[in-house]
Amino acid sequence: MTAPSEKAVQTAARVFRERGGVVRTAEAAKAGVHHATLYWMRDAGLVERMARGVYRPSELPGLSKHDISIVAARAPSAVLCLVSALDFHGIGTQIPAGVSIAIGPKEWKPRFDYPPISVYRMSGSAFWKGREEHELDGVKVHVFGVAKTVADCFKFRNKIGLDVAIEALQDAIRSRRTTPAQIMEYAEIDRVARIVLPYLRALQ
């Protein structure tokens, strides 16, 4: 492969810096970086491929929560949810088998070669309320907060297990990461208030 000009490589390096270190090929193209430049930089060991269409400089330290960074970079409108959100917040003992994300009712469903993902469709307040924004390895990550995640676990208890929801509720309350009132607020939004309430009362 023919080496790109020094200017082309410098432009690509600047684009990586401006975007916090993780760049999708589509973003790079819009910023004036030809895909051939990215491929040459990859072959030269200057950048590494995180997933299809996602690159980062090789000199950066190892990624934390690597899988989440990949998904957030390629599906920026998705929201980390359920077991993945519990793990992100350090609630409970569940180990995610993949990355769980929520998307809107009419959004394109992302597909990945890696990492494995589970996609949940949410709408209205159930999708827009209770979000937080964090930065992970230079990538903006949208994740539901602790109270919203606990309520969601009860809403999707048939898919993730009622035991997961109960453990999340107990750990979130006992660690004082949220309050019963906050959980009930989102339980009302998720229409599971009648299901959550008895378990909350049992903790009092």
N, C-alpha and C. Protein backbone atom coordinates (compact mmCIF):
# COMPACT_ATOMS: atom_id res chain seq x y z
N MET A 1 0.84 -1.20 0.00
CA MET A 1 0.00 0.00 0.00
C MET A 1 0.88 1.25 0.00
N THR A 2 0.56 2.18 -0.87
CA THR A 2 1.32 3.41 -0.97
C THR A 2 1.14 4.26 0.28
N ALA A 3 2.26 4.74 0.81
CA ALA A 3 2.19 5.55 2.03
C ALA A 3 1.53 6.89 1.74
N PRO A 4 0.66 7.36 2.62
CA PRO A 4 0.03 8.67 2.44
C PRO A 4 1.04 9.77 2.73
N SER A 5 0.69 10.98 2.38
CA SER A 5 1.58 12.11 2.64
C SER A 5 1.67 12.37 4.15
N GLU A 6 2.73 13.04 4.55
CA GLU A 6 2.89 13.38 5.96
C GLU A 6 1.74 14.25 6.44
N LYS A 7 1.26 15.12 5.58
CA LYS A 7 0.14 15.99 5.92
C LYS A 7 -1.12 15.17 6.19
N ALA A 8 -1.35 14.13 5.37
CA ALA A 8 -2.54 13.29 5.55
C ALA A 8 -2.50 12.57 6.89
N VAL A 9 -1.32 12.09 7.27
CA VAL A 9 -1.18 11.40 8.55
C VAL A 9 -1.37 12.37 9.71
N GLN A 10 -0.82 13.58 9.57
CA GLN A 10 -0.97 14.59 10.62
C GLN A 10 -2.44 15.00 10.78
N THR A 11 -3.14 15.09 9.66
CA THR A 11 -4.57 15.42 9.71
C THR A 11 -5.33 14.32 10.45
N ALA A 12 -5.02 13.08 10.13
CA ALA A 12 -5.68 11.96 10.81
C ALA A 12 -5.39 11.97 12.30
N ALA A 13 -4.14 12.23 12.67
CA ALA A 13 -3.76 12.28 14.09
C ALA A 13 -4.53 13.38 14.81
N ARG A 14 -4.71 14.52 14.14
CA ARG A 14 -5.47 15.62 14.74
C ARG A 14 -6.93 15.23 14.95
N VAL A 15 -7.51 14.53 13.98
CA VAL A 15 -8.90 14.08 14.10
C VAL A 15 -9.06 13.14 15.29
N PHE A 16 -8.10 12.24 15.49
CA PHE A 16 -8.15 11.34 16.64
C PHE A 16 -8.09 12.12 17.95
N ARG A 17 -7.21 13.12 18.00
CA ARG A 17 -7.08 13.92 19.23
C ARG A 17 -8.36 14.67 19.52
N GLU A 18 -8.95 15.28 18.49
CA GLU A 18 -10.15 16.09 18.67
C GLU A 18 -11.34 15.26 19.12
N ARG A 19 -11.35 13.98 18.77
CA ARG A 19 -12.47 13.11 19.13
C ARG A 19 -12.15 12.20 20.31
N GLY A 20 -11.11 12.54 21.04
CA GLY A 20 -10.81 11.82 22.27
C GLY A 20 -10.16 10.47 22.09
N GLY A 21 -9.74 10.15 20.86
CA GLY A 21 -8.97 8.93 20.65
C GLY A 21 -9.68 7.80 19.94
N VAL A 22 -11.00 7.87 19.83
CA VAL A 22 -11.74 6.80 19.14
C VAL A 22 -12.50 7.42 17.97
N VAL A 23 -12.29 6.88 16.77
CA VAL A 23 -12.87 7.48 15.56
C VAL A 23 -13.48 6.40 14.69
N ARG A 24 -14.67 6.67 14.18
CA ARG A 24 -15.30 5.80 13.20
C ARG A 24 -14.87 6.24 11.80
N THR A 25 -14.82 5.31 10.87
CA THR A 25 -14.37 5.64 9.51
C THR A 25 -15.25 6.72 8.88
N ALA A 26 -16.55 6.69 9.17
CA ALA A 26 -17.45 7.70 8.60
C ALA A 26 -17.11 9.09 9.13
N GLU A 27 -16.79 9.16 10.43
CA GLU A 27 -16.41 10.44 11.03
C GLU A 27 -15.09 10.93 10.43
N ALA A 28 -14.16 10.01 10.27
CA ALA A 28 -12.87 10.37 9.70
C ALA A 28 -13.03 10.92 8.28
N ALA A 29 -13.88 10.27 7.49
CA ALA A 29 -14.10 10.71 6.12
C ALA A 29 -14.68 12.12 6.07
N LYS A 30 -15.63 12.40 6.97
CA LYS A 30 -16.23 13.73 7.01
C LYS A 30 -15.21 14.80 7.39
N ALA A 31 -14.19 14.39 8.16
CA ALA A 31 -13.16 15.32 8.60
C ALA A 31 -12.02 15.43 7.60
N GLY A 32 -12.15 14.74 6.47
CA GLY A 32 -11.14 14.84 5.42
C GLY A 32 -10.06 13.78 5.45
N VAL A 33 -10.28 12.69 6.19
CA VAL A 33 -9.29 11.61 6.27
C VAL A 33 -9.73 10.47 5.36
N HIS A 34 -8.94 10.18 4.36
CA HIS A 34 -9.29 9.11 3.42
C HIS A 34 -9.14 7.76 4.11
N HIS A 35 -10.02 6.82 3.73
CA HIS A 35 -9.97 5.51 4.37
C HIS A 35 -8.63 4.81 4.14
N ALA A 36 -7.99 5.11 2.99
CA ALA A 36 -6.69 4.50 2.70
C ALA A 36 -5.64 4.95 3.71
N THR A 37 -5.78 6.17 4.20
CA THR A 37 -4.86 6.67 5.22
C THR A 37 -5.02 5.89 6.52
N LEU A 38 -6.26 5.64 6.89
CA LEU A 38 -6.52 4.84 8.10
C LEU A 38 -5.96 3.43 7.97
N TYR A 39 -6.16 2.82 6.81
CA TYR A 39 -5.67 1.46 6.60
C TYR A 39 -4.14 1.41 6.65
N TRP A 40 -3.50 2.43 6.07
CA TRP A 40 -2.03 2.49 6.11
C TRP A 40 -1.55 2.65 7.55
N MET A 41 -2.22 3.53 8.30
CA MET A 41 -1.85 3.75 9.71
C MET A 41 -2.05 2.48 10.53
N ARG A 42 -3.10 1.73 10.19
CA ARG A 42 -3.32 0.45 10.87
C ARG A 42 -2.19 -0.52 10.57
N ASP A 43 -1.84 -0.67 9.29
CA ASP A 43 -0.79 -1.60 8.89
C ASP A 43 0.57 -1.18 9.44
N ALA A 44 0.74 0.14 9.63
CA ALA A 44 2.00 0.66 10.16
C ALA A 44 2.07 0.59 11.68
N GLY A 45 0.96 0.17 12.31
CA GLY A 45 0.94 0.06 13.76
C GLY A 45 0.66 1.35 14.49
N LEU A 46 0.22 2.38 13.76
CA LEU A 46 -0.06 3.67 14.40
C LEU A 46 -1.45 3.70 15.03
N VAL A 47 -2.39 2.96 14.44
CA VAL A 47 -3.73 2.86 15.02
C VAL A 47 -4.11 1.38 15.06
N GLU A 48 -5.09 1.06 15.88
CA GLU A 48 -5.57 -0.31 15.95
C GLU A 48 -7.07 -0.36 15.74
N ARG A 49 -7.52 -1.43 15.17
CA ARG A 49 -8.94 -1.63 14.88
C ARG A 49 -9.62 -2.20 16.11
N MET A 50 -10.57 -1.45 16.67
CA MET A 50 -11.33 -1.92 17.83
C MET A 50 -12.45 -2.85 17.39
N ALA A 51 -13.10 -2.49 16.29
CA ALA A 51 -14.19 -3.26 15.71
C ALA A 51 -14.33 -2.76 14.28
N ARG A 52 -15.23 -3.35 13.54
CA ARG A 52 -15.40 -2.93 12.15
C ARG A 52 -15.75 -1.45 12.10
N GLY A 53 -14.89 -0.66 11.44
CA GLY A 53 -15.17 0.76 11.27
C GLY A 53 -14.83 1.63 12.47
N VAL A 54 -14.14 1.09 13.48
CA VAL A 54 -13.79 1.86 14.68
C VAL A 54 -12.29 1.69 14.95
N TYR A 55 -11.58 2.82 15.08
CA TYR A 55 -10.14 2.79 15.28
C TYR A 55 -9.72 3.69 16.44
N ARG A 56 -8.55 3.39 17.01
CA ARG A 56 -7.97 4.20 18.07
C ARG A 56 -6.45 4.17 17.93
N PRO A 57 -5.74 5.22 18.39
CA PRO A 57 -4.28 5.21 18.32
C PRO A 57 -3.69 4.07 19.16
N SER A 58 -2.69 3.39 18.64
CA SER A 58 -2.08 2.26 19.34
C SER A 58 -1.35 2.70 20.60
N GLU A 59 -0.95 3.97 20.65
CA GLU A 59 -0.17 4.47 21.79
C GLU A 59 -1.01 4.70 23.04
N LEU A 60 -2.34 4.72 22.89
CA LEU A 60 -3.20 4.95 24.04
C LEU A 60 -3.12 3.78 25.00
N PRO A 61 -3.30 4.03 26.30
CA PRO A 61 -3.31 2.92 27.26
C PRO A 61 -4.48 1.98 26.99
N GLY A 62 -4.42 0.79 27.53
CA GLY A 62 -5.47 -0.20 27.31
C GLY A 62 -6.84 0.33 27.70
N LEU A 63 -7.82 -0.07 26.95
CA LEU A 63 -9.18 0.40 27.19
C LEU A 63 -9.77 -0.22 28.47
N SER A 64 -10.56 0.57 29.16
CA SER A 64 -11.35 0.04 30.26
C SER A 64 -12.74 -0.21 29.71
N LYS A 65 -13.34 -1.33 30.12
CA LYS A 65 -14.66 -1.69 29.60
C LYS A 65 -14.67 -1.56 28.06
N HIS A 66 -13.74 -2.25 27.46
CA HIS A 66 -13.50 -2.17 26.02
C HIS A 66 -14.77 -2.35 25.19
N ASP A 67 -15.58 -3.33 25.54
CA ASP A 67 -16.77 -3.61 24.74
C ASP A 67 -17.74 -2.44 24.72
N ILE A 68 -17.91 -1.79 25.88
CA ILE A 68 -18.82 -0.64 25.95
C ILE A 68 -18.33 0.48 25.06
N SER A 69 -17.03 0.71 25.05
CA SER A 69 -16.46 1.76 24.21
C SER A 69 -16.75 1.52 22.74
N ILE A 70 -16.64 0.27 22.33
CA ILE A 70 -16.90 -0.08 20.93
C ILE A 70 -18.35 0.22 20.56
N VAL A 71 -19.26 -0.24 21.41
CA VAL A 71 -20.69 -0.06 21.12
C VAL A 71 -21.06 1.42 21.13
N ALA A 72 -20.56 2.16 22.11
CA ALA A 72 -20.88 3.59 22.21
C ALA A 72 -20.35 4.36 21.01
N ALA A 73 -19.19 3.95 20.51
CA ALA A 73 -18.61 4.63 19.35
C ALA A 73 -19.41 4.37 18.08
N ARG A 74 -19.94 3.17 17.93
CA ARG A 74 -20.64 2.80 16.71
C ARG A 74 -22.15 3.02 16.78
N ALA A 75 -22.69 3.12 18.00
CA ALA A 75 -24.13 3.36 18.19
C ALA A 75 -24.30 4.48 19.22
N PRO A 76 -23.94 5.70 18.86
CA PRO A 76 -23.89 6.80 19.83
C PRO A 76 -25.24 7.19 20.42
N SER A 77 -26.35 6.81 19.79
CA SER A 77 -27.67 7.17 20.34
C SER A 77 -28.22 6.11 21.27
N ALA A 78 -27.55 4.96 21.36
CA ALA A 78 -28.00 3.87 22.23
C ALA A 78 -27.69 4.20 23.69
N VAL A 79 -28.44 3.57 24.59
CA VAL A 79 -28.27 3.81 26.03
C VAL A 79 -27.95 2.48 26.71
N LEU A 80 -26.87 2.44 27.44
CA LEU A 80 -26.50 1.24 28.18
C LEU A 80 -27.58 0.94 29.21
N CYS A 81 -28.01 -0.31 29.28
CA CYS A 81 -29.14 -0.62 30.15
C CYS A 81 -28.99 -1.99 30.81
N LEU A 82 -29.92 -2.29 31.71
CA LEU A 82 -30.08 -3.58 32.37
C LEU A 82 -28.76 -4.11 32.96
N VAL A 83 -28.39 -5.35 32.68
CA VAL A 83 -27.22 -5.93 33.34
C VAL A 83 -25.94 -5.13 33.03
N SER A 84 -25.83 -4.62 31.81
CA SER A 84 -24.65 -3.81 31.48
C SER A 84 -24.60 -2.53 32.30
N ALA A 85 -25.76 -1.91 32.51
CA ALA A 85 -25.81 -0.70 33.33
C ALA A 85 -25.52 -1.03 34.80
N LEU A 86 -26.03 -2.16 35.28
CA LEU A 86 -25.73 -2.58 36.65
C LEU A 86 -24.23 -2.74 36.83
N ASP A 87 -23.59 -3.40 35.88
CA ASP A 87 -22.15 -3.61 35.94
C ASP A 87 -21.41 -2.28 35.88
N PHE A 88 -21.87 -1.37 35.03
CA PHE A 88 -21.25 -0.06 34.89
C PHE A 88 -21.28 0.70 36.21
N HIS A 89 -22.40 0.60 36.92
CA HIS A 89 -22.56 1.31 38.19
C HIS A 89 -22.03 0.52 39.39
N GLY A 90 -21.62 -0.72 39.17
CA GLY A 90 -21.12 -1.53 40.26
C GLY A 90 -22.21 -2.03 41.19
N ILE A 91 -23.38 -2.33 40.64
CA ILE A 91 -24.52 -2.82 41.41
C ILE A 91 -24.71 -4.32 41.15
N GLY A 92 -24.85 -5.09 42.23
CA GLY A 92 -25.10 -6.52 42.08
C GLY A 92 -23.85 -7.31 41.71
N THR A 93 -24.06 -8.57 41.38
CA THR A 93 -22.95 -9.49 41.09
C THR A 93 -23.00 -10.07 39.69
N GLN A 94 -23.93 -9.58 38.88
CA GLN A 94 -24.10 -10.15 37.54
C GLN A 94 -22.93 -9.75 36.63
N ILE A 95 -22.46 -10.71 35.84
CA ILE A 95 -21.41 -10.46 34.86
C ILE A 95 -22.04 -10.48 33.47
N PRO A 96 -22.03 -9.34 32.76
CA PRO A 96 -22.69 -9.30 31.44
C PRO A 96 -22.07 -10.27 30.45
N ALA A 97 -22.92 -10.96 29.73
CA ALA A 97 -22.45 -11.85 28.67
C ALA A 97 -22.18 -11.08 27.39
N GLY A 98 -22.73 -9.88 27.31
CA GLY A 98 -22.55 -8.99 26.17
C GLY A 98 -22.91 -7.59 26.62
N VAL A 99 -23.15 -6.73 25.68
CA VAL A 99 -23.51 -5.35 26.00
C VAL A 99 -25.01 -5.15 25.74
N SER A 100 -25.73 -4.76 26.77
CA SER A 100 -27.18 -4.52 26.65
C SER A 100 -27.42 -3.04 26.41
N ILE A 101 -28.15 -2.74 25.34
CA ILE A 101 -28.43 -1.35 25.01
C ILE A 101 -29.92 -1.15 24.73
N ALA A 102 -30.39 0.05 25.00
CA ALA A 102 -31.77 0.43 24.68
C ALA A 102 -31.74 1.39 23.50
N ILE A 103 -32.71 1.23 22.60
CA ILE A 103 -32.86 2.14 21.48
C ILE A 103 -34.32 2.55 21.38
N GLY A 104 -34.58 3.61 20.64
CA GLY A 104 -35.95 4.08 20.45
C GLY A 104 -36.77 3.12 19.61
N PRO A 105 -38.09 3.31 19.59
CA PRO A 105 -38.99 2.36 18.90
C PRO A 105 -38.80 2.28 17.40
N LYS A 106 -38.28 3.34 16.79
CA LYS A 106 -38.12 3.35 15.34
C LYS A 106 -36.67 3.45 14.90
N GLU A 107 -35.76 3.35 15.84
CA GLU A 107 -34.34 3.47 15.50
C GLU A 107 -33.82 2.22 14.81
N TRP A 108 -32.80 2.43 13.99
CA TRP A 108 -32.13 1.32 13.33
C TRP A 108 -31.48 0.43 14.38
N LYS A 109 -31.68 -0.86 14.24
CA LYS A 109 -31.11 -1.82 15.19
C LYS A 109 -29.67 -2.12 14.80
N PRO A 110 -28.72 -1.72 15.63
CA PRO A 110 -27.32 -1.93 15.27
C PRO A 110 -26.94 -3.40 15.26
N ARG A 111 -25.97 -3.73 14.42
CA ARG A 111 -25.47 -5.10 14.35
C ARG A 111 -23.95 -5.04 14.44
N PHE A 112 -23.37 -5.98 15.17
CA PHE A 112 -21.95 -5.99 15.39
C PHE A 112 -21.38 -7.38 15.15
N ASP A 113 -20.18 -7.43 14.56
CA ASP A 113 -19.45 -8.69 14.52
C ASP A 113 -18.93 -8.98 15.93
N TYR A 114 -18.55 -7.92 16.61
CA TYR A 114 -18.07 -8.00 17.99
C TYR A 114 -18.24 -6.61 18.60
N PRO A 115 -18.62 -6.50 19.86
CA PRO A 115 -18.96 -7.54 20.82
C PRO A 115 -20.41 -8.00 20.66
N PRO A 116 -20.82 -9.08 21.32
CA PRO A 116 -22.23 -9.48 21.28
C PRO A 116 -23.08 -8.44 21.99
N ILE A 117 -24.25 -8.15 21.45
CA ILE A 117 -25.13 -7.16 22.08
C ILE A 117 -26.55 -7.71 22.21
N SER A 118 -27.26 -7.15 23.18
CA SER A 118 -28.69 -7.41 23.33
C SER A 118 -29.38 -6.06 23.21
N VAL A 119 -30.37 -5.98 22.34
CA VAL A 119 -31.04 -4.71 22.06
C VAL A 119 -32.46 -4.73 22.61
N TYR A 120 -32.82 -3.70 23.34
CA TYR A 120 -34.15 -3.56 23.92
C TYR A 120 -34.76 -2.25 23.41
N ARG A 121 -35.96 -2.35 22.90
CA ARG A 121 -36.63 -1.14 22.42
C ARG A 121 -37.45 -0.52 23.54
N MET A 122 -37.30 0.79 23.70
CA MET A 122 -38.07 1.54 24.69
C MET A 122 -38.64 2.77 24.00
N SER A 123 -39.70 3.30 24.57
CA SER A 123 -40.32 4.47 23.95
C SER A 123 -40.75 5.48 25.01
N GLY A 124 -41.00 6.70 24.55
CA GLY A 124 -41.50 7.75 25.44
C GLY A 124 -40.58 8.00 26.61
N SER A 125 -41.18 8.27 27.77
CA SER A 125 -40.41 8.57 28.98
C SER A 125 -39.52 7.42 29.39
N ALA A 126 -39.94 6.19 29.09
CA ALA A 126 -39.14 5.03 29.46
C ALA A 126 -37.78 5.03 28.75
N PHE A 127 -37.70 5.73 27.61
CA PHE A 127 -36.44 5.80 26.87
C PHE A 127 -35.66 7.07 27.20
N TRP A 128 -36.38 8.17 27.45
CA TRP A 128 -35.70 9.45 27.60
C TRP A 128 -35.40 9.83 29.05
N LYS A 129 -36.11 9.27 29.99
CA LYS A 129 -35.90 9.65 31.39
C LYS A 129 -34.80 8.80 32.04
N GLY A 130 -34.13 9.40 33.00
CA GLY A 130 -33.15 8.67 33.80
C GLY A 130 -31.82 8.43 33.15
N ARG A 131 -31.50 9.16 32.10
CA ARG A 131 -30.23 8.98 31.42
C ARG A 131 -29.10 9.75 32.12
N GLU A 132 -27.93 9.20 31.99
CA GLU A 132 -26.71 9.89 32.39
C GLU A 132 -25.73 9.84 31.23
N GLU A 133 -24.81 10.79 31.21
CA GLU A 133 -23.78 10.78 30.17
C GLU A 133 -22.41 10.71 30.85
N HIS A 134 -21.62 9.75 30.43
CA HIS A 134 -20.28 9.57 30.97
C HIS A 134 -19.29 9.56 29.81
N GLU A 135 -18.02 9.67 30.13
CA GLU A 135 -16.98 9.54 29.11
C GLU A 135 -16.11 8.36 29.47
N LEU A 136 -15.94 7.47 28.51
CA LEU A 136 -15.17 6.26 28.73
C LEU A 136 -14.19 6.08 27.59
N ASP A 137 -12.91 6.18 27.90
CA ASP A 137 -11.87 6.04 26.86
C ASP A 137 -12.07 7.03 25.72
N GLY A 138 -12.49 8.25 26.06
CA GLY A 138 -12.67 9.27 25.06
C GLY A 138 -13.97 9.19 24.29
N VAL A 139 -14.85 8.27 24.67
CA VAL A 139 -16.13 8.10 23.99
C VAL A 139 -17.27 8.47 24.93
N LYS A 140 -18.24 9.22 24.43
CA LYS A 140 -19.42 9.55 25.24
C LYS A 140 -20.32 8.32 25.35
N VAL A 141 -20.66 7.98 26.56
CA VAL A 141 -21.48 6.80 26.82
C VAL A 141 -22.76 7.24 27.52
N HIS A 142 -23.90 6.90 26.93
CA HIS A 142 -25.19 7.16 27.56
C HIS A 142 -25.59 5.91 28.35
N VAL A 143 -25.94 6.09 29.60
CA VAL A 143 -26.30 4.95 30.45
C VAL A 143 -27.44 5.37 31.37
N PHE A 144 -28.36 4.46 31.61
CA PHE A 144 -29.43 4.75 32.55
C PHE A 144 -28.85 4.75 33.97
N GLY A 145 -29.34 5.69 34.79
CA GLY A 145 -28.90 5.78 36.17
C GLY A 145 -29.35 4.58 36.99
N VAL A 146 -28.90 4.54 38.24
CA VAL A 146 -29.15 3.38 39.09
C VAL A 146 -30.64 3.14 39.28
N ALA A 147 -31.40 4.17 39.68
CA ALA A 147 -32.83 4.00 39.95
C ALA A 147 -33.58 3.53 38.71
N LYS A 148 -33.29 4.14 37.56
CA LYS A 148 -33.96 3.75 36.31
C LYS A 148 -33.59 2.32 35.93
N THR A 149 -32.34 1.96 36.13
CA THR A 149 -31.89 0.60 35.79
C THR A 149 -32.59 -0.44 36.64
N VAL A 150 -32.75 -0.17 37.93
CA VAL A 150 -33.45 -1.11 38.80
C VAL A 150 -34.89 -1.31 38.32
N ALA A 151 -35.57 -0.21 38.01
CA ALA A 151 -36.94 -0.30 37.51
C ALA A 151 -36.98 -1.09 36.19
N ASP A 152 -36.01 -0.84 35.32
CA ASP A 152 -35.97 -1.56 34.05
C ASP A 152 -35.77 -3.05 34.24
N CYS A 153 -35.00 -3.42 35.26
CA CYS A 153 -34.77 -4.84 35.52
C CYS A 153 -36.08 -5.55 35.87
N PHE A 154 -36.96 -4.85 36.58
CA PHE A 154 -38.27 -5.44 36.87
C PHE A 154 -39.14 -5.45 35.60
N LYS A 155 -39.02 -4.43 34.78
CA LYS A 155 -39.81 -4.39 33.56
C LYS A 155 -39.43 -5.54 32.62
N PHE A 156 -38.17 -5.85 32.56
CA PHE A 156 -37.69 -6.90 31.67
C PHE A 156 -37.30 -8.16 32.44
N ARG A 157 -37.97 -8.38 33.57
CA ARG A 157 -37.64 -9.52 34.45
C ARG A 157 -37.81 -10.86 33.75
N ASN A 158 -38.73 -10.94 32.79
CA ASN A 158 -38.94 -12.22 32.09
C ASN A 158 -37.78 -12.55 31.16
N LYS A 159 -36.98 -11.54 30.82
CA LYS A 159 -35.85 -11.77 29.92
C LYS A 159 -34.54 -11.93 30.67
N ILE A 160 -34.39 -11.19 31.78
CA ILE A 160 -33.11 -11.25 32.50
C ILE A 160 -33.21 -12.03 33.80
N GLY A 161 -34.42 -12.29 34.27
CA GLY A 161 -34.62 -13.04 35.50
C GLY A 161 -35.04 -12.15 36.66
N LEU A 162 -36.08 -12.59 37.37
CA LEU A 162 -36.56 -11.83 38.52
C LEU A 162 -35.50 -11.76 39.61
N ASP A 163 -34.68 -12.79 39.73
CA ASP A 163 -33.63 -12.79 40.75
C ASP A 163 -32.62 -11.68 40.52
N VAL A 164 -32.37 -11.36 39.26
CA VAL A 164 -31.45 -10.26 38.93
C VAL A 164 -32.05 -8.93 39.37
N ALA A 165 -33.34 -8.75 39.12
CA ALA A 165 -34.02 -7.51 39.50
C ALA A 165 -34.04 -7.33 41.02
N ILE A 166 -34.34 -8.41 41.74
CA ILE A 166 -34.40 -8.33 43.20
C ILE A 166 -33.02 -8.02 43.79
N GLU A 167 -32.00 -8.69 43.28
CA GLU A 167 -30.65 -8.42 43.77
C GLU A 167 -30.25 -6.97 43.50
N ALA A 168 -30.59 -6.45 42.31
CA ALA A 168 -30.26 -5.07 41.97
C ALA A 168 -30.96 -4.10 42.92
N LEU A 169 -32.22 -4.36 43.19
CA LEU A 169 -32.98 -3.51 44.11
C LEU A 169 -32.35 -3.52 45.50
N GLN A 170 -32.06 -4.69 46.01
CA GLN A 170 -31.49 -4.81 47.35
C GLN A 170 -30.14 -4.11 47.45
N ASP A 171 -29.28 -4.35 46.48
CA ASP A 171 -27.94 -3.76 46.52
C ASP A 171 -27.99 -2.25 46.37
N ALA A 172 -28.84 -1.76 45.48
CA ALA A 172 -28.94 -0.32 45.24
C ALA A 172 -29.42 0.41 46.49
N ILE A 173 -30.39 -0.16 47.20
CA ILE A 173 -30.92 0.47 48.41
C ILE A 173 -29.93 0.36 49.57
N ARG A 174 -29.39 -0.82 49.78
CA ARG A 174 -28.48 -1.03 50.92
C ARG A 174 -27.17 -0.26 50.77
N SER A 175 -26.74 -0.04 49.54
CA SER A 175 -25.51 0.73 49.31
C SER A 175 -25.79 2.24 49.23
N ARG A 176 -27.07 2.59 49.34
CA ARG A 176 -27.52 3.98 49.30
C ARG A 176 -27.13 4.69 48.00
N ARG A 177 -27.15 3.92 46.91
CA ARG A 177 -26.89 4.49 45.59
C ARG A 177 -28.13 5.17 45.04
N THR A 178 -29.28 4.87 45.62
CA THR A 178 -30.53 5.50 45.24
C THR A 178 -31.50 5.37 46.40
N THR A 179 -32.71 5.87 46.23
CA THR A 179 -33.71 5.80 47.29
C THR A 179 -34.96 5.09 46.79
N PRO A 180 -35.78 4.59 47.72
CA PRO A 180 -37.04 3.97 47.31
C PRO A 180 -37.91 4.91 46.47
N ALA A 181 -37.93 6.18 46.84
CA ALA A 181 -38.76 7.14 46.10
C ALA A 181 -38.29 7.28 44.66
N GLN A 182 -36.96 7.31 44.46
CA GLN A 182 -36.44 7.44 43.10
C GLN A 182 -36.75 6.20 42.27
N ILE A 183 -36.62 5.05 42.89
CA ILE A 183 -36.94 3.81 42.17
C ILE A 183 -38.42 3.77 41.79
N MET A 184 -39.29 4.18 42.73
CA MET A 184 -40.71 4.17 42.44
C MET A 184 -41.08 5.16 41.34
N GLU A 185 -40.35 6.25 41.26
CA GLU A 185 -40.60 7.23 40.19
C GLU A 185 -40.44 6.58 38.83
N TYR A 186 -39.36 5.82 38.68
CA TYR A 186 -39.12 5.16 37.39
C TYR A 186 -39.97 3.90 37.23
N ALA A 187 -40.32 3.28 38.33
CA ALA A 187 -41.22 2.13 38.26
C ALA A 187 -42.58 2.55 37.71
N GLU A 188 -43.02 3.75 38.08
CA GLU A 188 -44.27 4.29 37.54
C GLU A 188 -44.14 4.52 36.03
N ILE A 189 -43.02 5.06 35.62
CA ILE A 189 -42.79 5.30 34.19
C ILE A 189 -42.77 3.98 33.43
N ASP A 190 -42.14 2.97 34.03
CA ASP A 190 -42.05 1.65 33.38
C ASP A 190 -43.30 0.80 33.57
N ARG A 191 -44.26 1.31 34.34
CA ARG A 191 -45.52 0.60 34.61
C ARG A 191 -45.32 -0.71 35.35
N VAL A 192 -44.39 -0.70 36.30
CA VAL A 192 -44.15 -1.90 37.12
C VAL A 192 -44.21 -1.55 38.61
N ALA A 193 -44.83 -0.42 38.94
CA ALA A 193 -44.86 0.03 40.34
C ALA A 193 -45.48 -1.01 41.26
N ARG A 194 -46.57 -1.65 40.81
CA ARG A 194 -47.24 -2.65 41.66
C ARG A 194 -46.37 -3.87 41.90
N ILE A 195 -45.47 -4.14 40.99
CA ILE A 195 -44.58 -5.29 41.13
C ILE A 195 -43.40 -4.94 42.05
N VAL A 196 -42.88 -3.73 41.91
CA VAL A 196 -41.70 -3.31 42.67
C VAL A 196 -42.04 -3.04 44.14
N LEU A 197 -43.21 -2.46 44.40
CA LEU A 197 -43.55 -1.98 45.75
C LEU A 197 -43.41 -3.06 46.83
N PRO A 198 -43.92 -4.26 46.66
CA PRO A 198 -43.79 -5.27 47.73
C PRO A 198 -42.33 -5.58 48.08
N TYR A 199 -41.46 -5.58 47.09
CA TYR A 199 -40.06 -5.87 47.35
C TYR A 199 -39.40 -4.71 48.08
N LEU A 200 -39.81 -3.48 47.77
CA LEU A 200 -39.29 -2.33 48.49
C LEU A 200 -39.74 -2.37 49.96
N ARG A 201 -41.00 -2.69 50.17
CA ARG A 201 -41.54 -2.75 51.54
C ARG A 201 -40.82 -3.82 52.36
N ALA A 202 -40.42 -4.89 51.72
CA ALA A 202 -39.72 -5.97 52.43
C ALA A 202 -38.34 -5.55 52.92
N LEU A 203 -37.79 -4.49 52.32
CA LEU A 203 -36.47 -4.01 52.73
C LEU A 203 -36.55 -3.01 53.88
N GLN A 204 -37.73 -2.52 54.17
CA GLN A 204 -37.90 -1.49 55.21
C GLN A 204 -38.08 -2.13 56.59
